[in-house]
Amino acid sequence: MTTFKTLSILIPAYNEGKTIHLILDKVKAVKLVNDIAKEIIIVNDCSSDNTVEAIETYKKQNPELKIQLFNQEINQGKGAAIHKAMELAKGEYLIIQDADLEYDPEEYNDLLKPVINGFADVVYGSRFIGGSPHRILFFWHSIGNKFLTKLSNMFTNLNLTDMETCYKLIRTDIAQGLHLVENRFGFEPELTAKLSRTKDVRIYEVGISYYGRTYEEGKKIGWKDGFRAIYCIVKYNVFSKK
């Protein structure tokens, strides 16, 4: 059994002023197993809407929540926001949570289970296994995600089913020991490549639900990000292994 006191919840946010309170409500509502405390770290990636005001209002209305807000001075990308959040994390484990409503914080305990049972250092939440609800959206996105995962697996020798998932639960000292440089959507393959080379790391995967957004609802990833991911898979597994 593994016992620890605090889970750091890392939330990169860019122009999420309309919905940030909804995801924070969901995070607030979750009761973690073993009375694990929650530390919420939000990195605002220089939003042009009212994201900062919405977060500050929420903090005032929910003083019992431990929420830390860091504002990037210029827009640097999701990866850069996560880098900063990882740097600020004080919990023994951390999890990445998008500010939109595509992923359900109620499933934190599912990801924690392999850790609590003493089996895992890293847990990926897969949208492609298990019996949880999945919104039916884009065929080519699904094909693209599976292709990128298989390509990544060929280099890392892992057998993940969803490398591009947001939900990655990582022991904080491992995360903070990685030299991560990708500022945008190349972050996922870079992180996976570098985790796969971490000495004695134990990586698990559990099935999660997925409530995907359309582009009209705010989805930001596109085909250019897919090509960047391919580039990063090759780069961080072959040419840049630091």
Protein backbone atom coordinates (compact mmCIF):
# COMPACT_ATOMS: atom_id res chain seq x y z
CA MET A 1 0.00 0.00 0.00
CA THR A 2 1.13 3.55 -0.78
CA THR A 3 -0.01 6.40 1.45
CA PHE A 4 0.39 10.09 0.73
CA LYS A 5 -1.21 13.34 1.87
CA THR A 6 -1.82 15.61 -1.13
CA LEU A 7 -2.73 15.36 -4.82
CA SER A 8 -1.77 18.37 -6.92
CA ILE A 9 -4.34 19.06 -9.64
CA LEU A 10 -2.74 20.98 -12.50
CA ILE A 11 -5.11 23.03 -14.68
CA PRO A 12 -3.75 24.88 -17.74
CA ALA A 13 -6.32 27.49 -18.76
CA TYR A 14 -6.68 29.61 -21.87
CA ASN A 15 -9.88 31.56 -22.54
CA GLU A 16 -11.99 29.33 -20.29
CA GLY A 17 -13.75 32.15 -18.43
CA LYS A 18 -17.23 30.88 -19.27
CA THR A 19 -16.67 27.33 -17.98
CA ILE A 20 -13.74 27.37 -15.53
CA HIS A 21 -16.13 27.50 -12.55
CA LEU A 22 -17.87 24.33 -13.78
CA ILE A 23 -14.70 22.22 -13.79
CA LEU A 24 -13.66 23.70 -10.43
CA ASP A 25 -17.06 22.70 -9.03
CA LYS A 26 -16.42 19.15 -10.21
CA VAL A 27 -12.92 19.11 -8.69
CA LYS A 28 -14.33 20.51 -5.45
CA ALA A 29 -17.04 17.83 -5.29
CA VAL A 30 -14.62 14.89 -5.53
CA LYS A 31 -13.82 13.16 -2.25
CA LEU A 32 -10.47 11.47 -2.70
CA VAL A 33 -9.77 8.06 -1.17
CA ASN A 34 -7.91 7.91 2.14
CA ASP A 35 -8.82 11.58 2.78
CA ILE A 36 -6.11 12.72 0.36
CA ALA A 37 -6.10 16.53 0.21
CA LYS A 38 -6.40 18.49 -3.03
CA GLU A 39 -4.03 21.25 -4.12
CA ILE A 40 -5.35 23.06 -7.21
CA ILE A 41 -2.80 24.87 -9.37
CA ILE A 42 -4.21 26.90 -12.26
CA VAL A 43 -1.85 28.41 -14.84
CA ASN A 44 -3.56 31.04 -16.95
CA ASP A 45 -1.85 31.13 -20.34
CA CYS A 46 -2.37 34.88 -20.94
CA SER A 47 -6.08 34.54 -21.70
CA SER A 48 -7.78 37.36 -23.58
CA ASP A 49 -11.18 36.81 -21.94
CA ASN A 50 -12.27 36.98 -18.28
CA THR A 51 -10.54 33.78 -17.17
CA VAL A 52 -8.53 35.53 -14.43
CA GLU A 53 -11.55 37.38 -13.06
CA ALA A 54 -13.60 34.17 -13.05
CA ILE A 55 -10.89 32.31 -11.11
CA GLU A 56 -10.39 35.12 -8.60
CA THR A 57 -14.14 35.28 -8.00
CA TYR A 58 -14.27 31.52 -7.50
CA LYS A 59 -11.40 31.65 -5.02
CA LYS A 60 -13.21 34.29 -2.94
CA GLN A 61 -16.43 32.26 -2.99
CA ASN A 62 -14.64 29.03 -2.01
CA PRO A 63 -12.00 29.99 0.57
CA GLU A 64 -11.84 26.41 1.88
CA LEU A 65 -10.28 25.25 -1.40
CA LYS A 66 -6.52 25.47 -1.78
CA ILE A 67 -6.26 27.21 -5.17
CA GLN A 68 -3.08 28.76 -6.52
CA LEU A 69 -3.28 30.92 -9.65
CA PHE A 70 -0.24 31.72 -11.76
CA ASN A 71 -0.52 34.06 -14.75
CA GLN A 72 1.81 33.65 -17.74
CA GLU A 73 2.89 37.06 -19.03
CA ILE A 74 2.64 35.94 -22.66
CA ASN A 75 0.76 33.11 -24.33
CA GLN A 76 3.17 30.15 -24.45
CA GLY A 77 0.94 27.12 -24.97
CA LYS A 78 -0.59 24.31 -22.96
CA GLY A 79 2.71 22.48 -22.52
CA ALA A 80 4.40 25.55 -21.05
CA ALA A 81 1.49 26.05 -18.65
CA ILE A 82 1.81 22.45 -17.45
CA HIS A 83 5.59 22.84 -17.04
CA LYS A 84 4.95 25.78 -14.69
CA ALA A 85 2.23 23.95 -12.79
CA MET A 86 4.52 20.94 -12.31
CA GLU A 87 7.20 23.25 -10.96
CA LEU A 88 4.76 24.70 -8.42
CA ALA A 89 3.28 21.35 -7.31
CA LYS A 90 3.77 20.44 -3.64
CA GLY A 91 1.71 17.23 -3.50
CA GLU A 92 3.38 13.82 -3.58
CA TYR A 93 1.45 13.03 -6.78
CA LEU A 94 0.04 15.28 -9.48
CA ILE A 95 -2.62 14.94 -12.16
CA ILE A 96 -3.24 17.04 -15.27
CA GLN A 97 -6.79 18.36 -15.65
CA ASP A 98 -7.96 20.35 -18.69
CA ALA A 99 -10.08 23.39 -17.88
CA ASP A 100 -12.85 22.29 -20.25
CA LEU A 101 -15.45 19.63 -19.40
CA GLU A 102 -14.12 16.75 -21.52
CA TYR A 103 -12.72 14.78 -18.57
CA ASP A 104 -14.52 13.90 -15.33
CA PRO A 105 -12.70 14.51 -12.00
CA GLU A 106 -14.95 11.88 -10.41
CA GLU A 107 -12.52 9.38 -11.96
CA TYR A 108 -9.47 10.60 -10.00
CA ASN A 109 -9.99 7.72 -7.57
CA ASP A 110 -9.91 5.22 -10.44
CA LEU A 111 -6.50 6.54 -11.46
CA LEU A 112 -5.33 6.59 -7.86
CA LYS A 113 -6.19 2.94 -7.24
CA PRO A 114 -3.01 1.41 -8.79
CA VAL A 115 -0.95 3.96 -6.83
CA ILE A 116 -2.71 3.36 -3.51
CA ASN A 117 -2.32 -0.40 -3.99
CA GLY A 118 1.42 0.06 -4.37
CA PHE A 119 1.71 -0.92 -8.04
CA ALA A 120 2.16 2.32 -10.01
CA ASP A 121 4.25 5.47 -10.20
CA VAL A 122 2.41 6.78 -13.29
CA VAL A 123 -1.19 6.13 -14.39
CA TYR A 124 -2.65 7.09 -17.78
CA GLY A 125 -6.41 7.44 -18.20
CA SER A 126 -7.38 5.82 -21.49
CA ARG A 127 -10.41 6.97 -23.50
CA PHE A 128 -10.24 3.79 -25.58
CA ILE A 129 -10.65 1.03 -22.97
CA GLY A 130 -13.30 0.23 -20.36
CA GLY A 131 -17.05 0.67 -20.31
CA SER A 132 -17.35 4.35 -19.34
CA PRO A 133 -19.38 6.85 -21.43
CA HIS A 134 -17.74 8.36 -24.53
CA ARG A 135 -19.25 11.10 -26.65
CA ILE A 136 -19.30 10.13 -30.34
CA LEU A 137 -17.54 12.83 -32.34
CA PHE A 138 -14.77 12.79 -34.93
CA PHE A 139 -13.73 9.58 -36.72
CA TRP A 140 -10.44 10.98 -38.02
CA HIS A 141 -9.49 12.34 -34.60
CA SER A 142 -9.94 8.84 -33.20
CA ILE A 143 -7.85 7.32 -35.99
CA GLY A 144 -5.21 10.03 -35.51
CA ASN A 145 -5.00 9.47 -31.76
CA LYS A 146 -4.64 5.72 -32.18
CA PHE A 147 -1.99 6.16 -34.90
CA LEU A 148 0.05 8.53 -32.72
CA THR A 149 -0.21 6.14 -29.78
CA LYS A 150 0.95 3.15 -31.86
CA LEU A 151 3.83 5.18 -33.32
CA SER A 152 4.87 6.30 -29.84
CA ASN A 153 4.64 2.72 -28.55
CA MET A 154 6.95 1.50 -31.33
CA PHE A 155 9.68 3.78 -30.01
CA THR A 156 9.01 3.60 -26.26
CA ASN A 157 8.20 -0.13 -26.18
CA LEU A 158 5.12 0.63 -24.06
CA ASN A 159 1.68 -0.80 -24.85
CA LEU A 160 -0.46 2.24 -24.10
CA THR A 161 -3.84 2.62 -25.77
CA ASP A 162 -4.08 6.44 -25.37
CA MET A 163 -0.82 8.36 -25.29
CA GLU A 164 -2.58 11.68 -26.05
CA THR A 165 -4.90 11.53 -23.03
CA CYS A 166 -5.08 14.54 -20.73
CA TYR A 167 -5.34 12.39 -17.60
CA LYS A 168 -1.84 11.50 -16.50
CA LEU A 169 -1.26 10.86 -12.81
CA ILE A 170 2.46 11.08 -12.00
CA ARG A 171 4.58 10.89 -8.87
CA THR A 172 5.64 14.50 -8.43
CA ASP A 173 9.35 13.89 -7.92
CA ILE A 174 9.43 11.94 -11.20
CA ALA A 175 7.61 14.71 -13.08
CA GLN A 176 9.83 17.42 -11.66
CA GLY A 177 12.94 15.42 -12.56
CA LEU A 178 12.10 15.44 -16.28
CA HIS A 179 13.60 18.01 -18.61
CA LEU A 180 10.51 19.04 -20.58
CA VAL A 181 10.74 21.65 -23.34
CA GLU A 182 7.67 21.32 -25.58
CA ASN A 183 5.38 24.30 -25.02
CA ARG A 184 2.37 23.26 -27.06
CA PHE A 185 0.73 19.99 -28.12
CA GLY A 186 4.07 18.22 -28.55
CA PHE A 187 4.04 17.98 -24.76
CA GLU A 188 2.21 14.61 -24.67
CA PRO A 189 4.65 12.56 -26.80
CA GLU A 190 7.65 14.26 -25.19
CA LEU A 191 6.38 13.46 -21.69
CA THR A 192 5.61 9.85 -22.64
CA ALA A 193 9.03 9.35 -24.23
CA LYS A 194 10.83 10.70 -21.19
CA LEU A 195 8.68 8.80 -18.70
CA SER A 196 9.40 5.57 -20.59
CA ARG A 197 13.13 6.09 -20.01
CA THR A 198 12.80 6.83 -16.29
CA LYS A 199 14.63 4.16 -14.31
CA ASP A 200 12.33 1.55 -12.73
CA VAL A 201 9.18 3.57 -13.46
CA ARG A 202 5.92 1.59 -13.23
CA ILE A 203 3.31 2.80 -15.71
CA TYR A 204 -0.33 1.70 -15.54
CA GLU A 205 -3.44 2.55 -17.54
CA VAL A 206 -7.13 2.64 -16.57
CA GLY A 207 -10.24 3.27 -18.64
CA ILE A 208 -11.97 6.64 -18.29
CA SER A 209 -14.99 8.41 -19.76
CA TYR A 210 -14.71 11.20 -22.33
CA TYR A 211 -17.13 14.06 -22.98
CA GLY A 212 -15.45 15.58 -26.05
CA ARG A 213 -16.12 19.07 -27.35
CA THR A 214 -16.72 20.18 -30.92
CA TYR A 215 -14.75 23.07 -32.42
CA GLU A 216 -17.82 25.28 -31.94
CA GLU A 217 -17.78 24.35 -28.25
CA GLY A 218 -14.13 25.32 -27.89
CA LYS A 219 -11.97 22.37 -28.99
CA LYS A 220 -8.53 23.76 -29.91
CA ILE A 221 -6.43 20.88 -31.32
CA GLY A 222 -6.12 20.54 -35.12
CA TRP A 223 -4.30 18.64 -37.86
CA LYS A 224 -1.16 20.76 -37.50
CA ASP A 225 -0.85 19.54 -33.92
CA GLY A 226 -0.94 15.97 -35.22
CA PHE A 227 2.06 16.57 -37.46
CA ARG A 228 3.88 18.23 -34.57
CA ALA A 229 3.17 15.16 -32.44
CA ILE A 230 4.73 12.88 -35.08
CA TYR A 231 7.79 15.11 -35.18
CA CYS A 232 8.07 15.03 -31.37
CA ILE A 233 7.66 11.26 -31.19
CA VAL A 234 10.67 10.83 -33.47
CA LYS A 235 12.66 13.68 -31.94
CA TYR A 236 12.38 12.69 -28.27
CA ASN A 237 12.76 8.97 -28.84
CA VAL A 238 15.64 9.06 -31.34
CA PHE A 239 17.47 12.38 -31.55
CA SER A 240 16.97 14.07 -28.20
CA LYS A 241 17.00 11.71 -25.24
CA LYS A 242 17.93 14.13 -22.46
